[in-house]
N, C-alpha and C. Protein backbone atom coordinates (compact mmCIF):
# COMPACT_ATOMS: atom_id res chain seq x y z
N GLY A 1 134.25 110.62 106.28
CA GLY A 1 133.35 110.02 105.04
C GLY A 1 134.04 110.35 103.69
N VAL A 2 132.98 109.62 102.94
CA VAL A 2 133.36 109.89 101.29
C VAL A 2 132.50 110.80 101.03
N GLU A 3 132.96 112.15 100.13
CA GLU A 3 131.80 112.65 99.56
C GLU A 3 130.68 112.10 98.47
N LYS A 4 129.63 112.51 98.63
CA LYS A 4 128.80 111.63 97.90
C LYS A 4 128.79 112.08 96.16
N ASP A 5 129.11 111.26 95.17
CA ASP A 5 129.47 111.46 93.79
C ASP A 5 128.17 111.08 92.91
N LYS A 6 127.35 111.77 92.64
CA LYS A 6 125.71 111.65 92.17
C LYS A 6 126.35 110.87 90.67
N MET A 7 127.28 111.70 89.96
CA MET A 7 127.35 110.92 88.54
C MET A 7 128.05 109.77 88.64
N ARG A 8 129.19 109.72 89.32
CA ARG A 8 129.70 108.02 89.49
C ARG A 8 128.84 107.22 90.01
N ALA A 9 127.94 107.45 91.10
CA ALA A 9 126.90 106.66 91.39
C ALA A 9 126.02 106.35 89.96
N LEU A 10 125.85 107.04 89.31
CA LEU A 10 124.52 106.77 88.64
C LEU A 10 125.07 106.11 87.16
N SER A 11 126.28 106.37 86.86
CA SER A 11 127.15 105.21 86.01
C SER A 11 127.42 103.83 86.67
N LEU A 12 127.69 103.64 88.00
CA LEU A 12 127.84 102.58 88.14
C LEU A 12 126.57 101.72 88.12
N TYR A 13 125.34 102.40 88.61
CA TYR A 13 124.45 101.93 88.30
C TYR A 13 123.80 101.19 87.10
N TYR A 14 124.14 102.27 86.08
CA TYR A 14 123.60 102.04 84.57
C TYR A 14 124.87 100.72 84.55
N GLU A 15 126.01 100.48 84.61
CA GLU A 15 126.77 99.88 84.15
C GLU A 15 126.28 98.18 84.97
N ALA A 16 125.82 98.37 86.09
CA ALA A 16 125.48 97.45 86.42
C ALA A 16 123.99 96.70 86.11
N ALA A 17 123.07 97.65 85.85
CA ALA A 17 121.77 97.59 85.30
C ALA A 17 122.04 96.83 83.84
N LYS A 18 123.16 97.23 83.26
CA LYS A 18 123.03 96.74 82.02
C LYS A 18 123.24 95.13 82.13
N ARG A 19 124.23 95.15 83.20
CA ARG A 19 124.56 93.27 83.35
C ARG A 19 123.38 92.88 84.04
N GLY A 20 121.81 93.66 84.28
CA GLY A 20 121.10 92.63 85.00
C GLY A 20 120.61 92.77 86.37
N ASN A 21 121.41 93.99 86.78
CA ASN A 21 121.47 93.45 88.30
C ASN A 21 119.91 94.69 88.81
N SER A 22 118.84 93.76 89.25
CA SER A 22 117.90 94.41 89.50
C SER A 22 117.66 95.75 90.69
N HIS A 23 118.68 95.60 91.12
CA HIS A 23 118.75 96.80 92.21
C HIS A 23 119.20 98.25 91.80
N ALA A 24 120.29 98.16 91.56
CA ALA A 24 120.56 99.02 89.89
C ALA A 24 119.71 99.45 89.28
N GLU A 25 118.64 98.90 88.55
CA GLU A 25 117.96 99.11 87.62
C GLU A 25 117.03 100.16 88.62
N THR A 26 116.30 99.63 89.81
CA THR A 26 115.43 100.05 90.31
C THR A 26 116.16 101.61 91.01
N ASN A 27 117.25 101.40 91.42
CA ASN A 27 118.35 102.60 92.08
C ASN A 27 118.38 103.66 90.52
N LEU A 28 118.28 103.16 89.42
CA LEU A 28 117.97 104.23 88.15
C LEU A 28 116.70 104.99 87.95
N GLY A 29 115.76 104.15 88.60
CA GLY A 29 114.21 104.48 88.13
C GLY A 29 114.00 105.52 89.27
N PHE A 30 114.40 105.27 90.59
CA PHE A 30 114.61 106.04 91.64
C PHE A 30 115.11 107.71 90.74
N ALA A 31 116.58 107.79 90.64
CA ALA A 31 117.18 108.84 90.24
C ALA A 31 116.51 109.52 89.02
N TYR A 32 115.78 108.80 87.80
CA TYR A 32 114.77 109.07 87.12
C TYR A 32 113.28 110.10 87.54
N LYS A 33 112.65 108.99 88.55
CA LYS A 33 111.54 109.83 89.39
C LYS A 33 111.86 110.99 89.95
N HIS A 34 112.88 111.17 90.80
CA HIS A 34 113.14 112.07 91.59
C HIS A 34 114.22 113.37 90.80
N GLY A 35 114.58 113.08 89.46
CA GLY A 35 115.63 114.05 88.86
C GLY A 35 117.38 113.95 89.75
N ILE A 36 117.13 112.89 90.14
CA ILE A 36 118.68 113.07 91.45
C ILE A 36 119.94 112.69 90.00
N GLY A 37 120.50 113.59 89.85
CA GLY A 37 121.59 113.22 88.72
C GLY A 37 121.45 113.50 87.10
N VAL A 38 120.14 113.27 87.14
CA VAL A 38 119.71 113.24 85.43
C VAL A 38 118.47 114.07 85.84
N PRO A 39 118.25 114.56 84.76
CA PRO A 39 116.78 115.10 84.71
C PRO A 39 115.84 114.27 84.67
N GLN A 40 114.42 114.63 85.49
CA GLN A 40 113.74 114.18 85.72
C GLN A 40 112.67 113.27 84.70
N ASP A 41 112.33 112.11 84.25
CA ASP A 41 111.80 111.51 83.28
C ASP A 41 110.76 110.40 83.80
N LEU A 42 109.78 110.57 84.33
CA LEU A 42 109.29 109.79 84.75
C LEU A 42 108.56 108.28 83.96
N SER A 43 108.67 108.39 82.73
CA SER A 43 108.44 107.39 81.62
C SER A 43 109.67 106.55 81.91
N LYS A 44 110.98 107.24 82.00
CA LYS A 44 112.34 106.61 81.54
C LYS A 44 112.03 105.63 83.47
N ALA A 45 111.90 106.55 84.18
CA ALA A 45 111.91 105.55 85.67
C ALA A 45 110.67 104.52 85.56
N ALA A 46 109.80 104.64 84.87
CA ALA A 46 108.75 103.31 84.67
C ALA A 46 109.29 102.32 83.83
N ARG A 47 109.97 102.78 83.07
CA ARG A 47 110.80 101.65 82.31
C ARG A 47 111.81 100.86 83.34
N CYS A 48 112.46 101.55 84.06
CA CYS A 48 113.77 101.06 84.82
C CYS A 48 112.91 99.99 85.84
N TYR A 49 111.86 100.70 86.72
CA TYR A 49 111.11 99.79 87.10
C TYR A 49 110.31 98.55 86.85
N PHE A 50 109.61 98.55 85.41
CA PHE A 50 109.81 97.57 84.80
C PHE A 50 110.68 96.30 84.41
N ARG A 51 111.70 96.92 84.00
CA ARG A 51 112.82 95.76 84.02
C ARG A 51 112.96 95.28 84.72
N ALA A 52 113.34 96.41 86.51
CA ALA A 52 113.51 95.27 87.55
C ALA A 52 112.54 94.44 87.92
N SER A 53 111.37 94.72 87.71
CA SER A 53 110.19 93.73 88.16
C SER A 53 110.02 92.81 87.31
N GLN A 54 110.77 92.73 86.47
CA GLN A 54 111.04 91.45 85.47
C GLN A 54 111.49 90.42 86.24
N GLN A 55 112.55 90.85 87.02
CA GLN A 55 112.99 89.97 87.85
C GLN A 55 112.60 89.63 89.47
N ASN A 56 111.60 90.37 89.80
CA ASN A 56 110.56 90.32 90.43
C ASN A 56 111.62 90.59 91.96
N ASN A 57 112.25 92.01 91.60
CA ASN A 57 112.48 92.92 92.62
C ASN A 57 111.21 93.43 93.44
N ASN A 58 111.12 93.53 94.81
CA ASN A 58 109.71 93.71 95.35
C ASN A 58 109.80 95.33 95.53
N VAL A 59 110.92 95.91 95.35
CA VAL A 59 110.69 97.52 95.65
C VAL A 59 110.33 97.74 94.20
N ALA A 60 111.01 97.32 93.30
CA ALA A 60 110.42 97.87 91.48
C ALA A 60 109.14 97.71 91.53
N LEU A 61 108.53 96.34 91.98
CA LEU A 61 106.91 96.17 92.07
C LEU A 61 106.48 97.20 92.42
N SER A 62 106.74 97.58 93.51
CA SER A 62 105.84 98.16 94.57
C SER A 62 105.96 99.64 94.01
N ASN A 63 106.82 100.27 93.22
CA ASN A 63 107.30 101.54 92.50
C ASN A 63 106.56 101.79 91.23
N LEU A 64 106.52 100.45 90.47
CA LEU A 64 105.73 100.59 89.40
C LEU A 64 104.35 100.43 89.54
N GLY A 65 103.52 99.75 90.84
CA GLY A 65 102.50 100.01 91.16
C GLY A 65 101.92 101.68 91.34
N LEU A 66 102.89 102.07 91.96
CA LEU A 66 102.55 103.70 92.45
C LEU A 66 102.70 104.33 91.13
N CYS A 67 103.80 103.99 89.91
CA CYS A 67 103.28 104.72 88.79
C CYS A 67 101.84 104.30 88.21
N TYR A 68 101.73 103.22 88.28
CA TYR A 68 100.63 103.24 87.55
C TYR A 68 99.32 103.41 88.04
N GLN A 69 99.04 103.79 89.51
CA GLN A 69 98.39 104.12 90.29
C GLN A 69 97.91 105.69 90.36
N HIS A 70 98.76 106.43 89.97
CA HIS A 70 99.48 107.53 89.70
C HIS A 70 99.07 108.28 88.05
N GLY A 71 99.24 106.97 87.64
CA GLY A 71 99.59 107.65 85.77
C GLY A 71 100.94 108.51 85.68
N LYS A 72 102.30 108.23 86.49
CA LYS A 72 103.11 108.88 86.61
C LYS A 72 103.93 107.79 85.61
N GLY A 73 104.16 108.67 84.61
CA GLY A 73 105.15 107.98 83.66
C GLY A 73 104.67 106.85 82.62
N VAL A 74 103.21 106.39 83.27
CA VAL A 74 102.32 105.17 82.30
C VAL A 74 101.07 105.41 82.44
N PRO A 75 100.32 105.25 81.56
CA PRO A 75 98.84 105.86 81.83
C PRO A 75 98.28 104.78 83.00
N LYS A 76 97.56 105.91 84.05
CA LYS A 76 97.00 105.30 84.94
C LYS A 76 96.14 104.21 84.38
N ASN A 77 96.39 103.22 85.61
CA ASN A 77 95.63 101.75 85.48
C ASN A 77 95.69 100.93 86.73
N ILE A 78 94.63 101.59 87.54
CA ILE A 78 94.67 101.26 89.17
C ILE A 78 94.50 99.69 89.17
N GLU A 79 93.87 99.13 88.47
CA GLU A 79 93.78 97.39 88.53
C GLU A 79 95.16 96.76 88.23
N LYS A 80 96.04 97.38 87.68
CA LYS A 80 97.32 96.89 87.19
C LYS A 80 98.57 97.48 88.60
N ALA A 81 98.05 98.40 89.32
CA ALA A 81 98.85 98.75 90.32
C ALA A 81 98.40 97.86 91.48
N VAL A 82 97.27 97.43 91.97
CA VAL A 82 96.81 96.63 93.02
C VAL A 82 97.69 95.04 92.46
N GLN A 83 97.55 94.49 91.46
CA GLN A 83 98.08 93.53 90.87
C GLN A 83 99.65 93.96 91.22
N LEU A 84 100.29 94.47 90.98
CA LEU A 84 101.99 94.89 91.24
C LEU A 84 102.25 95.01 92.83
N TYR A 85 101.10 95.46 93.59
CA TYR A 85 101.67 95.67 95.20
C TYR A 85 101.49 94.41 95.49
N ARG A 86 100.19 93.70 94.99
CA ARG A 86 100.20 92.03 95.39
C ARG A 86 101.56 91.26 95.38
N ARG A 87 101.97 91.71 94.23
CA ARG A 87 103.32 90.95 93.63
C ARG A 87 104.05 91.17 94.29
N SER A 88 104.32 92.13 95.03
CA SER A 88 105.36 93.26 95.52
C SER A 88 105.12 92.56 97.26
N VAL A 89 103.82 92.44 97.48
CA VAL A 89 103.64 91.99 99.06
C VAL A 89 104.08 90.53 99.12
N GLU A 90 103.93 89.67 98.31
CA GLU A 90 104.30 88.38 98.08
C GLU A 90 105.69 88.25 98.21
N LEU A 91 106.46 89.27 97.85
CA LEU A 91 108.37 89.13 98.33
C LEU A 91 108.17 89.71 99.26
N GLY A 92 107.67 90.05 99.98
CA GLY A 92 107.73 90.94 101.43
C GLY A 92 107.58 92.44 101.72
N ASN A 93 107.62 93.07 100.44
CA ASN A 93 107.71 94.63 100.32
C ASN A 93 106.43 95.34 101.87
N LYS A 94 107.01 95.74 102.57
CA LYS A 94 106.23 96.70 103.74
C LYS A 94 105.75 97.99 102.68
N GLY A 95 106.15 98.39 102.20
CA GLY A 95 105.71 99.70 101.35
C GLY A 95 104.28 99.17 100.57
N ALA A 96 104.27 98.17 99.69
CA ALA A 96 103.21 97.57 99.12
C ALA A 96 102.27 97.04 99.90
N MET A 97 102.67 96.38 101.20
CA MET A 97 101.81 96.08 102.19
C MET A 97 100.66 97.32 102.45
N ASN A 98 101.31 98.56 102.81
CA ASN A 98 101.01 99.66 103.40
C ASN A 98 99.97 100.27 102.23
N ASN A 99 100.76 100.45 100.91
CA ASN A 99 100.13 100.62 99.58
C ASN A 99 98.65 100.09 99.32
N LEU A 100 98.34 98.74 99.90
CA LEU A 100 97.16 97.73 99.39
C LEU A 100 96.26 98.25 100.77
N GLY A 101 97.24 98.44 101.94
CA GLY A 101 96.13 99.03 102.63
C GLY A 101 95.24 100.58 102.87
N HIS A 102 96.06 100.76 101.84
CA HIS A 102 95.50 102.35 101.29
C HIS A 102 94.33 101.89 100.54
N CYS A 103 94.83 100.82 99.45
CA CYS A 103 93.73 100.87 98.47
C CYS A 103 92.67 100.36 99.04
N HIS A 104 92.69 99.32 100.18
CA HIS A 104 91.51 98.79 100.86
C HIS A 104 90.65 100.04 101.31
N GLU A 105 91.41 100.89 102.20
CA GLU A 105 90.61 101.44 103.14
C GLU A 105 89.84 102.72 102.20
N HIS A 106 90.35 102.88 101.03
CA HIS A 106 89.55 104.05 100.04
C HIS A 106 89.16 103.54 98.97
N GLY A 107 88.80 102.16 98.76
CA GLY A 107 88.40 101.35 97.77
C GLY A 107 88.73 101.78 96.17
N ILE A 108 89.89 101.49 96.27
CA ILE A 108 91.03 102.17 94.99
C ILE A 108 91.28 100.82 94.15
N GLY A 109 90.35 100.56 93.56
CA GLY A 109 90.92 99.22 92.58
C GLY A 109 90.26 97.78 93.30
N VAL A 110 89.92 98.10 94.66
CA VAL A 110 89.39 97.04 95.41
C VAL A 110 88.18 97.46 96.28
N ALA A 111 87.29 96.60 96.67
CA ALA A 111 86.09 96.82 97.30
C ALA A 111 86.78 97.88 98.32
N LYS A 112 86.18 98.61 99.08
CA LYS A 112 86.35 99.43 100.20
C LYS A 112 86.37 98.39 101.34
N ASP A 113 87.16 97.92 102.26
CA ASP A 113 86.97 96.85 103.51
C ASP A 113 87.98 97.45 104.58
N LEU A 114 87.13 98.15 105.45
CA LEU A 114 88.23 98.49 106.86
C LEU A 114 89.37 97.58 107.49
N ASN A 115 88.46 96.34 107.42
CA ASN A 115 89.09 95.16 108.26
C ASN A 115 90.51 94.92 107.17
N LEU A 116 90.06 94.85 105.81
CA LEU A 116 91.42 94.74 105.18
C LEU A 116 92.67 95.23 105.32
N ALA A 117 91.51 96.57 105.01
CA ALA A 117 93.13 97.91 105.08
C ALA A 117 93.92 98.02 106.44
N LEU A 118 93.25 97.46 107.65
CA LEU A 118 93.70 97.26 108.96
C LEU A 118 94.86 96.14 108.94
N LYS A 119 94.40 94.91 108.39
CA LYS A 119 95.34 93.70 107.98
C LYS A 119 96.74 94.10 107.47
N TRP A 120 96.48 95.10 106.44
CA TRP A 120 97.38 94.93 105.27
C TRP A 120 98.35 96.30 106.21
N TYR A 121 97.69 97.30 107.09
CA TYR A 121 98.54 98.17 107.76
C TYR A 121 99.09 97.39 108.88
N LYS A 122 98.54 96.53 109.49
CA LYS A 122 99.54 95.90 110.58
C LYS A 122 100.38 95.23 110.13
N LYS A 123 100.50 94.56 109.00
CA LYS A 123 101.57 93.39 108.59
C LYS A 123 102.58 94.48 108.23
N ALA A 124 102.24 95.91 107.71
CA ALA A 124 103.48 96.45 107.03
C ALA A 124 104.23 97.18 108.64
N ALA A 125 103.35 97.52 109.50
CA ALA A 125 103.73 97.94 110.85
C ALA A 125 104.70 96.95 111.46
N LYS A 126 104.20 95.53 111.61
CA LYS A 126 104.74 94.86 112.04
C LYS A 126 106.42 94.39 111.35
N ALA A 127 106.31 95.03 109.87
CA ALA A 127 107.70 94.71 109.23
C ALA A 127 108.24 96.16 109.42
N GLN A 128 108.11 96.73 110.20
CA GLN A 128 108.88 98.10 110.80
C GLN A 128 108.22 99.64 110.01
N SER A 129 107.09 99.60 109.21
CA SER A 129 106.59 100.56 108.33
C SER A 129 106.13 101.64 109.53
N GLU A 130 106.60 102.39 109.33
CA GLU A 130 106.09 103.70 110.07
C GLU A 130 105.25 104.61 109.38
N LYS A 131 105.04 104.61 108.18
CA LYS A 131 103.83 105.02 107.55
C LYS A 131 102.48 104.23 108.04
N ALA A 132 102.93 102.96 108.36
CA ALA A 132 101.89 102.35 108.39
C ALA A 132 101.25 102.18 109.82
N ARG A 133 102.06 102.58 110.75
CA ARG A 133 101.53 102.79 112.06
C ARG A 133 101.03 104.32 112.22
N LYS A 134 101.30 105.16 111.25
CA LYS A 134 100.39 106.36 111.18
C LYS A 134 99.03 106.10 110.61
N ASN A 135 99.07 105.40 109.52
CA ASN A 135 97.86 104.93 108.93
C ASN A 135 96.80 104.31 110.08
N ILE A 136 97.48 103.60 110.68
CA ILE A 136 96.71 102.78 111.92
C ILE A 136 96.29 103.89 112.67
N LEU A 137 96.77 104.47 113.14
CA LEU A 137 96.32 105.42 114.11
C LEU A 137 95.32 106.71 113.69
N GLU A 138 95.50 106.76 112.44
CA GLU A 138 94.54 107.62 111.62
C GLU A 138 93.39 106.75 111.46
N LEU A 139 93.26 105.41 110.88
CA LEU A 139 91.93 104.61 110.91
C LEU A 139 91.18 104.50 112.39
N MET A 140 91.93 104.96 113.29
CA MET A 140 91.47 104.65 115.08
C MET A 140 91.06 106.03 115.21
N ARG A 141 91.34 106.96 114.57
CA ARG A 141 90.64 108.39 114.90
C ARG A 141 89.70 108.54 114.01
N LYS A 142 89.86 107.95 113.03
CA LYS A 142 88.30 108.24 111.84
C LYS A 142 87.22 107.15 112.08
N TYR A 143 87.40 106.00 112.65
CA TYR A 143 86.69 105.10 113.32
C TYR A 143 87.10 104.11 114.20
N PRO A 144 86.78 104.89 115.82
CA PRO A 144 87.00 104.63 116.95
C PRO A 144 86.17 103.04 117.30
N ASP A 145 85.18 102.66 116.22
CA ASP A 145 84.54 101.25 116.75
C ASP A 145 85.36 100.30 115.89
N LEU A 146 86.24 100.47 114.95
CA LEU A 146 86.71 99.40 114.24
C LEU A 146 87.52 98.29 115.34
N LYS A 147 87.60 96.98 115.13
CA LYS A 147 88.35 96.33 115.88
C LYS A 147 89.70 95.59 115.48
N GLY A 148 90.39 95.07 116.37
CA GLY A 148 91.68 94.69 116.12
C GLY A 148 92.93 96.04 116.15
N ILE A 149 92.43 96.75 116.68
CA ILE A 149 93.95 97.57 116.92
C ILE A 149 94.09 97.65 118.53
N GLU A 150 95.56 97.43 118.75
CA GLU A 150 95.58 97.72 120.34
C GLU A 150 96.90 98.90 120.26
N VAL A 151 96.90 99.55 121.58
CA VAL A 151 97.46 100.56 121.31
C VAL A 151 98.41 100.84 122.82
N SER A 152 99.84 100.79 122.86
CA SER A 152 100.67 101.12 123.74
C SER A 152 100.46 101.80 124.83
N LYS A 153 101.06 102.09 126.02
CA LYS A 153 100.29 103.10 126.74
C LYS A 153 101.14 104.31 126.58
N GLY A 154 102.05 104.47 125.59
CA GLY A 154 102.84 105.43 125.21
C GLY A 154 102.18 106.16 123.83
N GLY A 155 101.34 105.54 123.41
CA GLY A 155 100.34 105.88 122.18
C GLY A 155 100.66 105.38 121.21
N GLY A 156 102.02 104.38 121.12
CA GLY A 156 102.36 103.56 119.56
C GLY A 156 101.03 102.60 119.19
N VAL A 157 101.36 102.12 118.32
CA VAL A 157 100.45 100.86 117.91
C VAL A 157 101.30 99.71 117.83
N LEU A 158 100.62 98.72 118.33
CA LEU A 158 101.36 97.50 118.64
C LEU A 158 100.97 96.31 117.23
N ALA A 159 101.82 95.97 116.69
CA ALA A 159 101.57 95.12 115.72
C ALA A 159 101.42 93.81 116.36
N PRO A 160 100.41 93.15 115.90
CA PRO A 160 100.30 91.89 116.07
C PRO A 160 101.07 90.94 116.27
């Protein structure tokens, strides 16, 4: 295989982002968020996600929502986070579906509503989110009377 060259990859992402490629911009944001090949800089990560979100990149929208939810690189703004998750969900992002479920489960920026939390977790699970499947199992454990959860014989969650 080809040996990973982080600096070359970052250079290519940077060039593609300058040309307006939202996927490259999102990958740059990820690099800055995690300090991969560059010093960690949460403000730069958020700016990259913002630029990519302007092109309706669903991953960037969800990642920018996380930045706002946790105040990483931007001032904490829960309402803005939920708004970004909703935009990302409209574009089919399973991570944002899971994030909305979490917000509804815990009343973060929205009214606490376990049925809505379950709805979003199920949508994310149907889109192959393993994290959402785990969240459904955790909901079952905490709220055994919650309706609408089906479990397979092997213990896995069945998406609707």
